[in-house]
Amino acid sequence: MQRQNSFLQYVSENMRREVDILKKIVPSFAESLFNSSLSELLKDYTEIGIDSVLEDGVLKEVPIVRTILNLTKTVQNIHDRNLLKQLIKFIQTFNDGSVSDEKLIKYRKKFEENPSFANAELERIIIILNSIIDTKKSELLAVIFRAYINELINWEKFCELADVINRLFINDLLLFYAICRREINDTSQCEGYQADRLISLGLVQSTTKSMMIGSNNNSQTIFYIQPSPLGNLFFRLIN
């Protein structure tokens, strides 16, 4: 019982620490995210090693980089290094110039007028970025967040697509593109397990095309595949 209580106390203390760190990160994340002048500064650092980033004193002036360094003293563990890399990629992609100035001003005003609501949105993004390993996913997440800021989708749809991105196999993207472009129309033209994964995400839908039964009672079913309504929306936003 004592060991169990010690473990629960350890978990509770770590949860409080994570919440405290998150509250400190959000303001500097917002400051970095909505400063378009940082785009040029960050774009050259998204594909290089994090050590090079940390050795460059200029980047330490970026609010989110400075905050993470101050909170962790030094970014030595894999967890912190990965989060920093994903944040840099997200910010750089978001500030590519395709966000309407009018919509951005409108969102920043909402952020100032209702900070608890806006903080919850940015907290969700940080939590997702913290669970991502591939920077391609951070790029996709930034693209759909731009769509949200531009009011092309609502927050609920953003959350749905963010969950898709989090669970997506990056290697399945090429197949997804081919299906959306009607270059692949059935599962005989691709790896069935990849199509199944896209179907499970709700990006692709299928109908039976044919079924063959072999001499050993082994059956093979071929399915027509096409993008679902969610898949069409996702493709339009990221393409």
Protein backbone atom coordinates (compact mmCIF):
# COMPACT_ATOMS: atom_id res chain seq x y z
CA MET A 1 0.00 0.00 0.00
CA GLN A 2 2.83 2.39 0.87
CA ARG A 3 4.54 1.64 -2.46
CA GLN A 4 1.26 2.27 -4.29
CA ASN A 5 0.75 5.58 -2.50
CA SER A 6 4.31 6.62 -3.36
CA PHE A 7 3.70 5.80 -7.02
CA LEU A 8 0.43 7.76 -7.08
CA GLN A 9 2.16 10.71 -5.43
CA TYR A 10 4.93 10.52 -8.05
CA VAL A 11 2.36 10.51 -10.88
CA SER A 12 0.43 13.38 -9.30
CA GLU A 13 3.57 15.49 -8.89
CA ASN A 14 4.59 14.87 -12.49
CA MET A 15 1.13 15.78 -13.75
CA ARG A 16 1.24 19.04 -11.80
CA ARG A 17 4.70 19.73 -13.22
CA GLU A 18 3.47 19.10 -16.78
CA VAL A 19 0.48 21.42 -16.28
CA ASP A 20 2.72 24.13 -14.80
CA ILE A 21 5.18 23.87 -17.70
CA LEU A 22 2.34 23.95 -20.23
CA LYS A 23 0.93 27.15 -18.72
CA LYS A 24 4.36 28.77 -19.02
CA ILE A 25 4.92 27.60 -22.59
CA VAL A 26 1.59 28.74 -24.08
CA PRO A 27 2.18 32.54 -23.88
CA SER A 28 5.63 32.31 -25.49
CA PHE A 29 4.23 29.89 -28.09
CA ALA A 30 1.55 32.43 -28.99
CA GLU A 31 4.12 35.23 -29.09
CA SER A 32 6.31 33.19 -31.45
CA LEU A 33 3.44 31.87 -33.56
CA PHE A 34 1.84 35.22 -34.31
CA ASN A 35 5.07 37.04 -35.09
CA SER A 36 5.49 36.63 -38.86
CA SER A 37 8.97 38.17 -38.75
CA LEU A 38 10.18 34.94 -37.13
CA SER A 39 9.32 32.93 -40.23
CA GLU A 40 12.48 33.91 -42.10
CA LEU A 41 14.56 33.28 -39.00
CA LEU A 42 13.17 29.79 -38.44
CA LYS A 43 12.88 28.45 -41.97
CA ASP A 44 16.55 27.51 -42.25
CA TYR A 45 16.49 25.47 -39.04
CA THR A 46 13.63 23.04 -39.61
CA GLU A 47 15.65 20.28 -41.26
CA ILE A 48 18.90 20.47 -39.31
CA GLY A 49 19.93 18.86 -36.05
CA ILE A 50 18.62 20.38 -32.85
CA ASP A 51 22.19 20.78 -31.57
CA SER A 52 22.87 23.26 -34.38
CA VAL A 53 19.73 25.13 -33.39
CA LEU A 54 20.79 25.39 -29.76
CA GLU A 55 24.33 26.44 -30.63
CA ASP A 56 23.01 29.38 -32.62
CA GLY A 57 22.53 32.24 -30.17
CA VAL A 58 20.11 34.03 -32.50
CA LEU A 59 17.45 31.36 -32.11
CA LYS A 60 17.58 31.65 -28.35
CA GLU A 61 15.88 35.02 -28.79
CA VAL A 62 12.78 33.27 -30.17
CA PRO A 63 10.30 33.36 -27.23
CA ILE A 64 9.32 29.68 -27.32
CA VAL A 65 12.94 28.52 -27.65
CA ARG A 66 14.03 30.76 -24.79
CA THR A 67 11.16 29.58 -22.57
CA ILE A 68 11.87 25.89 -23.08
CA LEU A 69 15.57 26.42 -22.43
CA ASN A 70 14.80 28.35 -19.25
CA LEU A 71 12.38 25.70 -18.02
CA THR A 72 14.67 22.77 -18.68
CA LYS A 73 17.98 24.64 -18.21
CA THR A 74 19.39 22.60 -21.09
CA VAL A 75 17.64 20.49 -23.69
CA GLN A 76 19.37 17.17 -23.11
CA ASN A 77 16.60 14.60 -23.09
CA ILE A 78 14.90 13.27 -26.22
CA HIS A 79 11.47 14.47 -25.06
CA ASP A 80 12.40 18.15 -24.84
CA ARG A 81 14.54 18.10 -27.97
CA ASN A 82 11.73 16.60 -30.03
CA LEU A 83 9.14 19.07 -28.74
CA LEU A 84 11.37 21.99 -29.65
CA LYS A 85 11.93 20.60 -33.14
CA GLN A 86 8.20 20.10 -33.72
CA LEU A 87 7.35 23.59 -32.42
CA ILE A 88 9.88 25.20 -34.76
CA LYS A 89 8.48 23.29 -37.75
CA PHE A 90 4.90 24.19 -36.82
CA ILE A 91 5.67 27.91 -36.41
CA GLN A 92 7.68 28.06 -39.63
CA THR A 93 4.92 26.34 -41.65
CA PHE A 94 2.14 28.43 -40.12
CA ASN A 95 3.87 31.68 -41.08
CA ASP A 96 4.26 30.96 -44.79
CA GLY A 97 2.21 33.99 -45.76
CA SER A 98 -1.06 32.23 -46.56
CA VAL A 99 -2.91 33.39 -43.45
CA SER A 100 -5.18 36.35 -44.07
CA ASP A 101 -4.03 39.42 -42.12
CA GLU A 102 -7.65 40.20 -41.37
CA LYS A 103 -8.34 36.71 -39.99
CA LEU A 104 -5.10 36.70 -38.00
CA ILE A 105 -5.95 40.02 -36.37
CA LYS A 106 -9.42 38.67 -35.59
CA TYR A 107 -7.97 35.56 -33.91
CA ARG A 108 -5.40 37.55 -31.93
CA LYS A 109 -8.22 39.79 -30.72
CA LYS A 110 -10.12 36.70 -29.55
CA PHE A 111 -6.95 35.55 -27.81
CA GLU A 112 -6.70 38.85 -25.95
CA GLU A 113 -10.41 39.07 -25.09
CA ASN A 114 -10.84 35.46 -24.02
CA PRO A 115 -7.39 34.15 -23.04
CA SER A 116 -8.65 31.02 -21.27
CA PHE A 117 -10.47 29.85 -24.40
CA ALA A 118 -7.60 30.64 -26.74
CA ASN A 119 -5.05 29.15 -24.32
CA ALA A 120 -6.99 25.89 -24.38
CA GLU A 121 -6.67 25.79 -28.17
CA LEU A 122 -2.92 26.38 -28.14
CA GLU A 123 -2.47 23.94 -25.25
CA ARG A 124 -4.11 21.25 -27.36
CA ILE A 125 -1.73 21.97 -30.23
CA ILE A 126 1.32 21.76 -27.94
CA ILE A 127 0.11 18.45 -26.50
CA ILE A 128 -0.31 17.03 -30.01
CA LEU A 129 3.10 18.32 -31.11
CA ASN A 130 4.60 16.74 -28.01
CA SER A 131 3.33 13.33 -29.15
CA ILE A 132 4.55 13.68 -32.75
CA ILE A 133 7.88 12.30 -33.97
CA ASP A 134 7.83 13.10 -37.70
CA THR A 135 8.09 16.81 -38.57
CA LYS A 136 5.85 16.17 -41.59
CA LYS A 137 2.96 15.77 -39.16
CA SER A 138 3.79 19.10 -37.52
CA GLU A 139 3.73 20.66 -40.97
CA LEU A 140 0.31 19.15 -41.73
CA LEU A 141 -1.01 20.26 -38.34
CA ALA A 142 0.13 23.83 -39.06
CA VAL A 143 -1.62 23.72 -42.44
CA ILE A 144 -4.98 22.79 -40.94
CA PHE A 145 -4.51 25.32 -38.13
CA ARG A 146 -4.03 27.97 -40.83
CA ALA A 147 -7.31 26.76 -42.35
CA TYR A 148 -8.96 27.21 -38.95
CA ILE A 149 -7.58 30.73 -38.55
CA ASN A 150 -8.77 31.53 -42.09
CA GLU A 151 -12.23 30.22 -41.05
CA LEU A 152 -12.25 27.51 -43.70
CA ILE A 153 -13.03 24.96 -40.96
CA ASN A 154 -14.35 25.26 -37.42
CA TRP A 155 -12.58 24.17 -34.25
CA GLU A 156 -14.41 20.83 -34.07
CA LYS A 157 -13.28 19.94 -37.60
CA PHE A 158 -9.74 21.05 -36.75
CA CYS A 159 -9.70 18.68 -33.77
CA GLU A 160 -11.02 15.84 -35.93
CA LEU A 161 -8.35 16.38 -38.58
CA ALA A 162 -5.65 16.85 -35.93
CA ASP A 163 -6.55 13.42 -34.54
CA VAL A 164 -6.31 11.98 -38.07
CA ILE A 165 -2.85 13.50 -38.52
CA ASN A 166 -1.70 12.17 -35.15
CA ARG A 167 -2.74 8.60 -36.07
CA LEU A 168 -1.73 8.76 -39.74
CA PHE A 169 1.14 6.67 -41.10
CA ILE A 170 3.26 9.12 -43.09
CA ASN A 171 4.08 6.36 -45.58
CA ASP A 172 0.36 6.17 -46.44
CA LEU A 173 0.24 9.77 -47.66
CA LEU A 174 1.39 8.93 -51.21
CA LEU A 175 -1.37 6.34 -51.51
CA PHE A 176 -3.89 8.82 -50.13
CA TYR A 177 -2.84 11.41 -52.72
CA ALA A 178 -3.12 8.83 -55.51
CA ILE A 179 -6.63 7.84 -54.38
CA CYS A 180 -7.73 11.49 -54.23
CA ARG A 181 -6.35 12.09 -57.73
CA ARG A 182 -8.19 8.96 -58.96
CA GLU A 183 -4.88 7.40 -59.98
CA ILE A 184 -5.77 4.37 -57.84
CA ASN A 185 -9.36 3.14 -57.84
CA ASP A 186 -9.32 -0.26 -56.16
CA THR A 187 -7.29 -2.35 -53.75
CA SER A 188 -5.77 -4.49 -56.52
CA GLN A 189 -3.65 -1.44 -57.37
CA CYS A 190 -2.14 -0.96 -53.93
CA GLU A 191 -1.24 -2.64 -50.66
CA GLY A 192 -4.54 -3.60 -49.05
CA TYR A 193 -3.29 -3.00 -45.51
CA GLN A 194 -2.43 0.61 -46.37
CA ALA A 195 -5.89 1.18 -47.80
CA ASP A 196 -7.36 -0.37 -44.63
CA ARG A 197 -5.43 2.09 -42.49
CA LEU A 198 -6.75 5.05 -44.49
CA ILE A 199 -10.25 3.63 -44.26
CA SER A 200 -9.92 3.28 -40.47
CA LEU A 201 -8.97 6.96 -40.26
CA GLY A 202 -12.12 7.94 -42.14
CA LEU A 203 -10.17 9.40 -45.07
CA VAL A 204 -11.13 6.69 -47.57
CA GLN A 205 -14.32 4.71 -48.12
CA SER A 206 -14.74 1.39 -49.93
CA THR A 207 -17.29 -0.81 -51.67
CA THR A 208 -16.91 -4.39 -52.84
CA LYS A 209 -15.75 -4.79 -56.45
CA SER A 210 -15.25 -8.54 -56.72
CA MET A 211 -14.68 -11.67 -54.68
CA MET A 212 -12.70 -14.69 -55.76
CA ILE A 213 -12.67 -18.06 -54.00
CA GLY A 214 -9.67 -20.29 -54.67
CA SER A 215 -9.45 -24.08 -54.70
CA ASN A 216 -8.46 -24.19 -51.04
CA ASN A 217 -11.44 -22.05 -50.01
CA ASN A 218 -9.14 -19.05 -49.80
CA SER A 219 -11.05 -15.91 -50.72
CA GLN A 220 -9.79 -12.61 -51.99
CA THR A 221 -11.98 -9.54 -52.08
CA ILE A 222 -11.14 -6.48 -54.11
CA PHE A 223 -12.67 -3.17 -53.07
CA TYR A 224 -13.32 0.04 -54.94
CA ILE A 225 -11.74 2.86 -52.95
CA GLN A 226 -12.34 6.59 -53.07
CA PRO A 227 -11.82 9.55 -50.73
CA SER A 228 -14.53 10.10 -48.15
CA PRO A 229 -16.00 13.59 -47.59
CA LEU A 230 -13.49 14.03 -44.75
CA GLY A 231 -10.73 12.79 -47.04
CA ASN A 232 -11.69 15.25 -49.77
CA LEU A 233 -11.62 18.10 -47.25
CA PHE A 234 -8.25 17.00 -45.87
CA PHE A 235 -6.80 16.69 -49.37
CA ARG A 236 -8.00 20.17 -50.36
CA LEU A 237 -6.47 21.71 -47.25
CA ILE A 238 -3.07 20.02 -47.41
CA ASN A 239 -2.66 19.98 -51.16
